[in-house]
């Protein structure tokens, strides 16, 4: 980690994801800014071939757009990011 790097974490709810990037809402938006490089990790339950699975996507991304809430003290910001390269994906079978 370089001197200018900041280590932080937060939570959010993904609204849209594609191979090129994602859009999510987060209450932890205060330290984010446009052109910032962040590392994202998404996970969620699903099914595959009638089996319960956990899906995971993680990778490095650049913040393209930050949409602060109208009421900053109580709201969640919308954040659009572009993946910097191909994100890593995984599928874990929880039925076993």
Protein backbone atom coordinates (compact mmCIF):
# COMPACT_ATOMS: atom_id res chain seq x y z
CA UNK A 1 0.00 0.00 0.00
CA UNK A 2 1.40 3.41 -0.92
CA UNK A 3 1.37 6.47 1.33
CA UNK A 4 -1.55 7.97 -0.60
CA UNK A 5 -3.62 4.78 -0.44
CA UNK A 6 -6.46 4.61 2.05
CA UNK A 7 -7.72 1.34 3.45
CA UNK A 8 -11.44 1.36 4.18
CA UNK A 9 -14.42 -0.89 3.75
CA UNK A 10 -18.14 -0.45 3.42
CA UNK A 11 -21.35 -2.12 2.44
CA UNK A 12 -23.79 -1.50 -0.36
CA UNK A 13 -26.63 -2.87 -2.42
CA UNK A 14 -25.94 -3.61 -6.07
CA UNK A 15 -28.52 -2.31 -8.51
CA UNK A 16 -26.87 -3.26 -11.78
CA UNK A 17 -23.80 -5.31 -12.75
CA UNK A 18 -22.29 -6.02 -16.15
CA UNK A 19 -18.93 -7.28 -17.44
CA UNK A 20 -17.79 -3.66 -17.67
CA UNK A 21 -18.79 -2.35 -14.25
CA UNK A 22 -21.50 -1.93 -11.69
CA UNK A 23 -23.82 0.54 -10.02
CA UNK A 24 -24.54 0.33 -6.30
CA UNK A 25 -25.98 2.29 -3.40
CA UNK A 26 -24.04 2.72 -0.17
CA UNK A 27 -24.32 4.66 3.07
CA UNK A 28 -20.49 4.49 3.25
CA UNK A 29 -19.89 7.04 0.49
CA UNK A 30 -18.13 9.83 2.37
CA UNK A 31 -14.57 8.82 1.39
CA UNK A 32 -15.37 8.10 -2.29
CA UNK A 33 -14.57 10.47 -5.15
CA UNK A 34 -14.57 10.40 -8.96
CA UNK A 35 -11.54 8.64 -10.54
CA UNK A 36 -10.73 6.87 -7.27
CA UNK A 37 -9.55 3.27 -7.59
CA UNK A 38 -11.43 0.89 -5.30
CA UNK A 39 -11.63 -2.87 -4.82
CA UNK A 40 -15.10 -4.37 -4.89
CA UNK A 41 -16.41 -7.74 -3.79
CA UNK A 42 -19.98 -8.80 -4.49
CA UNK A 43 -21.60 -11.93 -3.20
CA UNK A 44 -25.11 -13.30 -3.26
CA UNK A 45 -27.18 -16.42 -3.06
CA UNK A 46 -28.65 -18.03 -6.14
CA UNK A 47 -29.34 -21.35 -7.77
CA UNK A 48 -27.59 -23.30 -10.49
CA UNK A 49 -28.80 -26.66 -11.82
CA UNK A 50 -31.35 -26.82 -8.98
CA UNK A 51 -28.61 -26.42 -6.37
CA UNK A 52 -28.15 -23.57 -3.91
CA UNK A 53 -24.97 -21.60 -4.66
CA UNK A 54 -23.07 -18.55 -3.49
CA UNK A 55 -21.85 -16.35 -6.33
CA UNK A 56 -18.88 -14.02 -5.91
CA UNK A 57 -17.39 -11.28 -8.11
CA UNK A 58 -14.35 -9.26 -7.09
CA UNK A 59 -11.97 -6.90 -8.75
CA UNK A 60 -10.40 -3.49 -9.05
CA UNK A 61 -12.59 -0.66 -10.31
CA UNK A 62 -12.53 3.10 -10.91
CA UNK A 63 -15.31 5.37 -9.63
CA UNK A 64 -16.93 7.02 -12.66
CA UNK A 65 -19.84 8.78 -10.99
CA UNK A 66 -20.93 9.54 -7.45
CA UNK A 67 -24.54 10.60 -6.86
CA UNK A 68 -24.81 11.90 -3.26
CA UNK A 69 -28.22 11.66 -1.60
CA UNK A 70 -30.43 14.73 -1.24
CA UNK A 71 -30.18 14.37 2.56
CA UNK A 72 -26.48 13.50 3.14
CA UNK A 73 -26.90 12.69 6.83
CA UNK A 74 -29.56 10.06 6.23
CA UNK A 75 -29.16 8.80 2.67
CA UNK A 76 -27.26 6.44 0.47
CA UNK A 77 -25.21 7.57 -2.50
CA UNK A 78 -25.36 5.97 -5.92
CA UNK A 79 -21.94 4.92 -7.19
CA UNK A 80 -21.06 3.92 -10.77
CA UNK A 81 -17.74 2.12 -11.28
CA UNK A 82 -15.88 0.62 -14.25
CA UNK A 83 -13.93 -2.60 -13.75
CA UNK A 84 -10.20 -2.16 -14.42
CA UNK A 85 -9.70 -5.44 -16.22
CA UNK A 86 -11.72 -8.60 -15.96
CA UNK A 87 -13.16 -9.24 -12.46
CA UNK A 88 -12.66 -12.63 -10.82
CA UNK A 89 -15.76 -14.75 -10.40
CA UNK A 90 -16.50 -17.81 -8.30
CA UNK A 91 -19.42 -20.16 -7.73
CA UNK A 92 -19.66 -22.15 -4.48
CA UNK A 93 -22.06 -25.09 -4.17
CA UNK A 94 -23.84 -24.89 -0.80
CA UNK A 95 -25.98 -27.98 -1.35
CA UNK A 96 -23.26 -30.47 -0.55
